[in-house]
Structure formats: structure tokens, C-alpha cells
């Protein structure tokens, strides 16, 4: 799916959120990455295989 050089990380890699943004919708709070990941403003993610990644929230001290 990615035609960038060097290629962006695939959706199954730990660094998948380093892929380039191909569609941005800040008014709706999400962006589509070139590896098919939908990244939300709250840091939650929807992966292409329909799994979800919970938002990363700072630990309360």
C-alpha cells in the first residue's frame, strides 16, 4: 500500500504510527495513515484488521 521511500512501517509493527498521513480530518478528530491505520486525536487507533489500540493516557502520579 505504501509507495514512500523508504517504506512506512506496516500496521502490524510496533512503530506503525510513524507512517505518513494520507488523509487528515482534524475537524472530525482522525487521520488515515498510508499503512491503513486510522489514528484518532485522543491517540486511540483502529488497525486495518479491525483491532483497536486504546488511547495512551499519562499515568497519574
PDB file of N, CA and C in Angstrom:
ATOM      1  N   UNK A   1       0.824  -1.191   0.000  1.00  0.00           N
ATOM      2  CA  UNK A   1       0.000   0.000   0.000  1.00  0.00           C
ATOM      3  C   UNK A   1       0.878   1.269   0.000  1.00  0.00           C
ATOM      4  N   UNK A   2       2.013   1.223   0.684  1.00  0.00           N
ATOM      5  CA  UNK A   2       2.865   2.396   0.797  1.00  0.00           C
ATOM      6  C   UNK A   2       3.834   2.469  -0.370  1.00  0.00           C
ATOM      7  N   UNK A   3       3.912   3.625  -0.991  1.00  0.00           N
ATOM      8  CA  UNK A   3       4.851   3.818  -2.090  1.00  0.00           C
ATOM      9  C   UNK A   3       5.980   4.782  -1.704  1.00  0.00           C
ATOM     10  N   UNK A   4       6.063   5.140  -0.424  1.00  0.00           N
ATOM     11  CA  UNK A   4       7.109   6.042   0.045  1.00  0.00           C
ATOM     12  C   UNK A   4       8.457   5.327   0.090  1.00  0.00           C
ATOM     13  N   UNK A   5       9.537   6.092  -0.040  1.00  0.00           N
ATOM     14  CA  UNK A   5      10.887   5.551   0.072  1.00  0.00           C
ATOM     15  C   UNK A   5      11.610   6.302   1.167  1.00  0.00           C
ATOM     16  N   UNK A   6      12.076   5.671   2.189  1.00  0.00           N
ATOM     17  CA  UNK A   6      11.884   4.269   2.499  1.00  0.00           C
ATOM     18  C   UNK A   6      10.431   4.001   2.869  1.00  0.00           C
ATOM     19  N   UNK A   7       9.991   2.751   2.724  1.00  0.00           N
ATOM     20  CA  UNK A   7       8.585   2.432   3.004  1.00  0.00           C
ATOM     21  C   UNK A   7       8.215   2.704   4.462  1.00  0.00           C
ATOM     22  N   UNK A   8       6.995   3.096   4.671  1.00  0.00           N
ATOM     23  CA  UNK A   8       6.488   3.317   6.029  1.00  0.00           C
ATOM     24  C   UNK A   8       6.313   1.968   6.727  1.00  0.00           C
ATOM     25  N   UNK A   9       6.350   1.968   8.063  1.00  0.00           N
ATOM     26  CA  UNK A   9       6.157   0.717   8.797  1.00  0.00           C
ATOM     27  C   UNK A   9       4.749   0.160   8.563  1.00  0.00           C
ATOM     28  N   UNK A  10       4.656  -1.153   8.476  1.00  0.00           N
ATOM     29  CA  UNK A  10       3.345  -1.788   8.261  1.00  0.00           C
ATOM     30  C   UNK A  10       2.508  -1.691   9.531  1.00  0.00           C
ATOM     31  N   UNK A  11       1.220  -1.950   9.393  1.00  0.00           N
ATOM     32  CA  UNK A  11       0.277  -1.807  10.501  1.00  0.00           C
ATOM     33  C   UNK A  11       0.528  -2.800  11.624  1.00  0.00           C
ATOM     34  N   UNK A  12       1.240  -3.901  11.352  1.00  0.00           N
ATOM     35  CA  UNK A  12       1.473  -4.896  12.398  1.00  0.00           C
ATOM     36  C   UNK A  12       2.779  -4.673  13.164  1.00  0.00           C
ATOM     37  N   UNK A  13       3.509  -3.621  12.843  1.00  0.00           N
ATOM     38  CA  UNK A  13       4.749  -3.307  13.565  1.00  0.00           C
ATOM     39  C   UNK A  13       4.464  -2.375  14.738  1.00  0.00           C
ATOM     40  N   UNK A  14       5.324  -2.427  15.730  1.00  0.00           N
ATOM     41  CA  UNK A  14       5.148  -1.591  16.923  1.00  0.00           C
ATOM     42  C   UNK A  14       5.207  -0.105  16.607  1.00  0.00           C
ATOM     43  N   UNK A  15       5.965   0.276  15.564  1.00  0.00           N
ATOM     44  CA  UNK A  15       6.098   1.690  15.208  1.00  0.00           C
ATOM     45  C   UNK A  15       5.165   2.100  14.066  1.00  0.00           C
ATOM     46  N   UNK A  16       4.015   1.426  13.946  1.00  0.00           N
ATOM     47  CA  UNK A  16       3.090   1.676  12.836  1.00  0.00           C
ATOM     48  C   UNK A  16       2.580   3.110  12.777  1.00  0.00           C
ATOM     49  N   UNK A  17       2.564   3.799  13.907  1.00  0.00           N
ATOM     50  CA  UNK A  17       2.061   5.178  13.901  1.00  0.00           C
ATOM     51  C   UNK A  17       3.072   6.170  13.326  1.00  0.00           C
ATOM     52  N   UNK A  18       4.237   5.687  12.900  1.00  0.00           N
ATOM     53  CA  UNK A  18       5.228   6.540  12.236  1.00  0.00           C
ATOM     54  C   UNK A  18       4.979   6.649  10.731  1.00  0.00           C
ATOM     55  N   UNK A  19       3.969   5.959  10.226  1.00  0.00           N
ATOM     56  CA  UNK A  19       3.635   6.032   8.797  1.00  0.00           C
ATOM     57  C   UNK A  19       3.127   7.429   8.452  1.00  0.00           C
ATOM     58  N   UNK A  20       3.228   7.780   7.193  1.00  0.00           N
ATOM     59  CA  UNK A  20       2.794   9.114   6.742  1.00  0.00           C
ATOM     60  C   UNK A  20       1.272   9.226   6.683  1.00  0.00           C
ATOM     61  N   UNK A  21       0.797  10.420   6.932  1.00  0.00           N
ATOM     62  CA  UNK A  21      -0.639  10.710   6.857  1.00  0.00           C
ATOM     63  C   UNK A  21      -1.016  10.894   5.391  1.00  0.00           C
ATOM     64  N   UNK A  22      -2.064  10.176   4.950  1.00  0.00           N
ATOM     65  CA  UNK A  22      -2.536  10.329   3.574  1.00  0.00           C
ATOM     66  C   UNK A  22      -3.873  11.064   3.505  1.00  0.00           C
ATOM     67  N   UNK A  23      -4.601  11.105   4.617  1.00  0.00           N
ATOM     68  CA  UNK A  23      -5.854  11.869   4.689  1.00  0.00           C
ATOM     69  C   UNK A  23      -6.004  12.375   6.120  1.00  0.00           C
ATOM     70  N   UNK A  24      -6.219  13.650   6.264  1.00  0.00           N
ATOM     71  CA  UNK A  24      -6.344  14.252   7.584  1.00  0.00           C
ATOM     72  C   UNK A  24      -7.702  14.929   7.713  1.00  0.00           C
ATOM     73  N   UNK A  25      -8.382  14.647   8.794  1.00  0.00           N
ATOM     74  CA  UNK A  25      -9.690  15.257   9.069  1.00  0.00           C
ATOM     75  C   UNK A  25      -9.702  15.774  10.511  1.00  0.00           C
ATOM     76  N   UNK A  26      -8.949  16.854  10.773  1.00  0.00           N
ATOM     77  CA  UNK A  26      -8.873  17.368  12.143  1.00  0.00           C
ATOM     78  C   UNK A  26     -10.226  17.831  12.680  1.00  0.00           C
ATOM     79  N   UNK A  27     -11.104  18.249  11.800  1.00  0.00           N
ATOM     80  CA  UNK A  27     -12.433  18.675  12.249  1.00  0.00           C
ATOM     81  C   UNK A  27     -13.240  17.506  12.795  1.00  0.00           C
ATOM     82  N   UNK A  28     -12.871  16.278  12.396  1.00  0.00           N
ATOM     83  CA  UNK A  28     -13.545  15.079  12.890  1.00  0.00           C
ATOM     84  C   UNK A  28     -12.673  14.305  13.879  1.00  0.00           C
ATOM     85  N   UNK A  29     -11.406  14.705  14.012  1.00  0.00           N
ATOM     86  CA  UNK A  29     -10.538  14.114  15.015  1.00  0.00           C
ATOM     87  C   UNK A  29      -9.815  12.849  14.606  1.00  0.00           C
ATOM     88  N   UNK A  30      -9.571  12.656  13.302  1.00  0.00           N
ATOM     89  CA  UNK A  30      -8.856  11.447  12.883  1.00  0.00           C
ATOM     90  C   UNK A  30      -8.028  11.695  11.640  1.00  0.00           C
ATOM     91  N   UNK A  31      -7.048  10.787  11.437  1.00  0.00           N
ATOM     92  CA  UNK A  31      -6.193  10.809  10.254  1.00  0.00           C
ATOM     93  C   UNK A  31      -5.998   9.377   9.775  1.00  0.00           C
ATOM     94  N   UNK A  32      -5.876   9.211   8.457  1.00  0.00           N
ATOM     95  CA  UNK A  32      -5.597   7.913   7.858  1.00  0.00           C
ATOM     96  C   UNK A  32      -4.129   7.867   7.480  1.00  0.00           C
ATOM     97  N   UNK A  33      -3.440   6.839   7.940  1.00  0.00           N
ATOM     98  CA  UNK A  33      -2.033   6.652   7.614  1.00  0.00           C
ATOM     99  C   UNK A  33      -1.919   5.760   6.387  1.00  0.00           C
ATOM    100  N   UNK A  34      -0.788   5.833   5.697  1.00  0.00           N
ATOM    101  CA  UNK A  34      -0.631   5.089   4.443  1.00  0.00           C
ATOM    102  C   UNK A  34      -0.604   3.573   4.653  1.00  0.00           C
ATOM    103  N   UNK A  35      -0.440   3.111   5.880  1.00  0.00           N
ATOM    104  CA  UNK A  35      -0.469   1.678   6.149  1.00  0.00           C
ATOM    105  C   UNK A  35      -1.866   1.186   6.527  1.00  0.00           C
ATOM    106  N   UNK A  36      -2.875   2.057   6.401  1.00  0.00           N
ATOM    107  CA  UNK A  36      -4.257   1.678   6.664  1.00  0.00           C
ATOM    108  C   UNK A  36      -4.725   1.912   8.086  1.00  0.00           C
ATOM    109  N   UNK A  37      -3.871   2.406   8.952  1.00  0.00           N
ATOM    110  CA  UNK A  37      -4.235   2.685  10.341  1.00  0.00           C
ATOM    111  C   UNK A  37      -4.991   4.009  10.401  1.00  0.00           C
ATOM    112  N   UNK A  38      -6.092   4.025  11.155  1.00  0.00           N
ATOM    113  CA  UNK A  38      -6.807   5.267  11.437  1.00  0.00           C
ATOM    114  C   UNK A  38      -6.383   5.695  12.836  1.00  0.00           C
ATOM    115  N   UNK A  39      -5.792   6.887  12.926  1.00  0.00           N
ATOM    116  CA  UNK A  39      -5.296   7.401  14.189  1.00  0.00           C
ATOM    117  C   UNK A  39      -6.208   8.544  14.639  1.00  0.00           C
ATOM    118  N   UNK A  40      -6.669   8.448  15.885  1.00  0.00           N
ATOM    119  CA  UNK A  40      -7.580   9.446  16.433  1.00  0.00           C
ATOM    120  C   UNK A  40      -6.822  10.460  17.286  1.00  0.00           C
ATOM    121  N   UNK A  41      -7.391  11.640  17.435  1.00  0.00           N
ATOM    122  CA  UNK A  41      -6.752  12.713  18.198  1.00  0.00           C
ATOM    123  C   UNK A  41      -6.476  12.331  19.647  1.00  0.00           C
ATOM    124  N   UNK A  42      -7.262  11.416  20.216  1.00  0.00           N
ATOM    125  CA  UNK A  42      -7.045  11.008  21.611  1.00  0.00           C
ATOM    126  C   UNK A  42      -5.974   9.926  21.725  1.00  0.00           C
ATOM    127  N   UNK A  43      -5.262   9.639  20.637  1.00  0.00           N
ATOM    128  CA  UNK A  43      -4.187   8.653  20.485  1.00  0.00           C
ATOM    129  C   UNK A  43      -4.692   7.224  20.353  1.00  0.00           C
ATOM    130  N   UNK A  44      -5.994   7.016  20.320  1.00  0.00           N
ATOM    131  CA  UNK A  44      -6.524   5.693  20.022  1.00  0.00           C
ATOM    132  C   UNK A  44      -6.334   5.402  18.540  1.00  0.00           C
ATOM    133  N   UNK A  45      -6.362   4.121  18.179  1.00  0.00           N
ATOM    134  CA  UNK A  45      -6.134   3.736  16.786  1.00  0.00           C
ATOM    135  C   UNK A  45      -7.053   2.594  16.391  1.00  0.00           C
ATOM    136  N   UNK A  46      -7.381   2.555  15.117  1.00  0.00           N
ATOM    137  CA  UNK A  46      -8.122   1.457  14.521  1.00  0.00           C
ATOM    138  C   UNK A  46      -7.217   0.863  13.455  1.00  0.00           C
ATOM    139  N   UNK A  47      -6.873  -0.420  13.628  1.00  0.00           N
ATOM    140  CA  UNK A  47      -5.964  -1.080  12.698  1.00  0.00           C
ATOM    141  C   UNK A  47      -6.742  -1.663  11.523  1.00  0.00           C
ATOM    142  N   UNK A  48      -6.079  -1.917  10.399  1.00  0.00           N
ATOM    143  CA  UNK A  48      -6.783  -2.413   9.213  1.00  0.00           C
ATOM    144  C   UNK A  48      -7.507  -3.745   9.426  1.00  0.00           C
ATOM    145  N   UNK A  49      -7.037  -4.556  10.379  1.00  0.00           N
ATOM    146  CA  UNK A  49      -7.702  -5.838  10.647  1.00  0.00           C
ATOM    147  C   UNK A  49      -8.832  -5.701  11.667  1.00  0.00           C
ATOM    148  N   UNK A  50      -9.226  -4.458  11.946  1.00  0.00           N
ATOM    149  CA  UNK A  50     -10.337  -4.081  12.824  1.00  0.00           C
ATOM    150  C   UNK A  50     -10.014  -4.179  14.313  1.00  0.00           C
ATOM    151  N   UNK A  51      -8.771  -4.468  14.663  1.00  0.00           N
ATOM    152  CA  UNK A  51      -8.389  -4.411  16.075  1.00  0.00           C
ATOM    153  C   UNK A  51      -8.275  -2.943  16.474  1.00  0.00           C
ATOM    154  N   UNK A  52      -8.406  -2.692  17.759  1.00  0.00           N
ATOM    155  CA  UNK A  52      -8.284  -1.329  18.256  1.00  0.00           C
ATOM    156  C   UNK A  52      -7.083  -1.218  19.183  1.00  0.00           C
ATOM    157  N   UNK A  53      -6.534  -0.027  19.255  1.00  0.00           N
ATOM    158  CA  UNK A  53      -5.474   0.300  20.201  1.00  0.00           C
ATOM    159  C   UNK A  53      -6.053   1.383  21.094  1.00  0.00           C
ATOM    160  N   UNK A  54      -6.079   1.097  22.386  1.00  0.00           N
ATOM    161  CA  UNK A  54      -6.640   2.045  23.348  1.00  0.00           C
ATOM    162  C   UNK A  54      -5.808   3.326  23.384  1.00  0.00           C
ATOM    163  N   UNK A  55      -6.434   4.450  23.683  1.00  0.00           N
ATOM    164  CA  UNK A  55      -5.675   5.704  23.812  1.00  0.00           C
ATOM    165  C   UNK A  55      -4.605   5.572  24.891  1.00  0.00           C
ATOM    166  N   UNK A  56      -3.469   6.189  24.630  1.00  0.00           N
ATOM    167  CA  UNK A  56      -2.374   6.189  25.602  1.00  0.00           C
ATOM    168  C   UNK A  56      -2.553   7.415  26.496  1.00  0.00           C
ATOM    169  N   UNK A  57      -2.849   7.154  27.719  1.00  0.00           N
ATOM    170  CA  UNK A  57      -3.073   8.238  28.674  1.00  0.00           C
ATOM    171  C   UNK A  57      -1.894   8.289  29.655  1.00  0.00           C
ATOM    172  N   UNK A  58      -1.493   9.487  30.047  1.00  0.00           N
ATOM    173  CA  UNK A  58      -0.395   9.576  31.022  1.00  0.00           C
ATOM    174  C   UNK A  58      -0.820   8.980  32.366  1.00  0.00           C
ATOM    175  N   UNK A  59       0.114   8.344  33.037  1.00  0.00           N
ATOM    176  CA  UNK A  59      -0.161   7.771  34.350  1.00  0.00           C
ATOM    177  C   UNK A  59      -0.337   8.895  35.367  1.00  0.00           C
ATOM    178  N   UNK A  60      -1.286   8.720  36.250  1.00  0.00           N
ATOM    179  CA  UNK A  60      -1.493   9.693  37.327  1.00  0.00           C
ATOM    180  C   UNK A  60      -0.508   9.390  38.439  1.00  0.00           C
ATOM    181  N   UNK A  61       0.128  10.414  38.935  1.00  0.00           N
ATOM    182  CA  UNK A  61       1.152  10.219  39.980  1.00  0.00           C
ATOM    183  C   UNK A  61       0.592  10.575  41.312  1.00  0.00           C
TER     184      UNK A  61
END
